[in-house]
């Protein structure tokens, strides 16, 4: 099973100049999954959700 980290997804979406890599993805994830605690290791479905709902960097 492939897992994804917020930093990887943020880079995929074009967020390469963040001071805290993956921040934009983690912010979305905190809103979407407020009950989650700890490190983010996303499965394919969660990663697809991020890709569909986090705007690409311009």
Protein backbone atom coordinates (compact mmCIF):
# COMPACT_ATOMS: atom_id res chain seq x y z
CA UNK A 1 0.00 0.00 0.00
CA UNK A 2 1.34 3.39 -0.97
CA UNK A 3 1.17 6.19 1.58
CA UNK A 4 1.66 9.90 1.08
CA UNK A 5 2.93 12.65 3.35
CA UNK A 6 1.63 16.26 3.22
CA UNK A 7 5.05 17.47 2.09
CA UNK A 8 4.95 15.17 -0.97
CA UNK A 9 1.45 16.23 -1.97
CA UNK A 10 2.25 19.91 -1.50
CA UNK A 11 5.24 19.58 -3.83
CA UNK A 12 3.06 17.74 -6.35
CA UNK A 13 0.61 20.66 -6.22
CA UNK A 14 3.39 23.17 -6.80
CA UNK A 15 3.97 24.42 -3.25
CA UNK A 16 7.75 24.32 -3.32
CA UNK A 17 8.61 27.61 -1.59
CA UNK A 18 6.76 27.16 1.70
CA UNK A 19 8.70 27.92 4.85
CA UNK A 20 7.12 24.78 6.36
CA UNK A 21 6.79 22.27 3.51
CA UNK A 22 3.33 20.70 3.36
CA UNK A 23 1.66 23.39 5.46
CA UNK A 24 -1.13 24.10 2.96
CA UNK A 25 -2.01 20.40 2.80
CA UNK A 26 -1.93 19.97 6.58
CA UNK A 27 -4.24 22.97 6.99
CA UNK A 28 -6.75 21.34 4.65
CA UNK A 29 -6.40 17.98 6.40
CA UNK A 30 -7.02 19.53 9.83
CA UNK A 31 -10.31 20.96 8.57
CA UNK A 32 -11.32 17.74 6.81
CA UNK A 33 -10.29 15.31 9.57
CA UNK A 34 -10.49 17.28 12.86
CA UNK A 35 -10.36 14.11 14.96
CA UNK A 36 -6.92 13.14 13.63
CA UNK A 37 -3.87 13.46 15.86
CA UNK A 38 -0.25 12.64 15.14
CA UNK A 39 1.62 12.34 11.87
CA UNK A 40 -0.19 12.34 8.57
CA UNK A 41 0.26 9.23 6.43
CA UNK A 42 -2.41 9.35 3.76
CA UNK A 43 -3.74 6.46 1.73
CA UNK A 44 -4.55 6.78 -1.97
CA UNK A 45 -8.16 7.89 -1.37
CA UNK A 46 -7.09 10.62 1.07
CA UNK A 47 -4.35 11.77 -1.30
CA UNK A 48 -6.89 11.97 -4.13
CA UNK A 49 -9.15 14.03 -1.84
CA UNK A 50 -6.29 16.48 -1.25
CA UNK A 51 -5.53 16.67 -4.97
CA UNK A 52 -9.17 17.43 -5.72
CA UNK A 53 -9.68 20.03 -2.99
CA UNK A 54 -6.40 21.88 -2.47
CA UNK A 55 -5.82 24.50 -5.13
CA UNK A 56 -2.60 24.21 -7.12
CA UNK A 57 0.00 26.86 -6.47
CA UNK A 58 0.15 29.55 -9.13
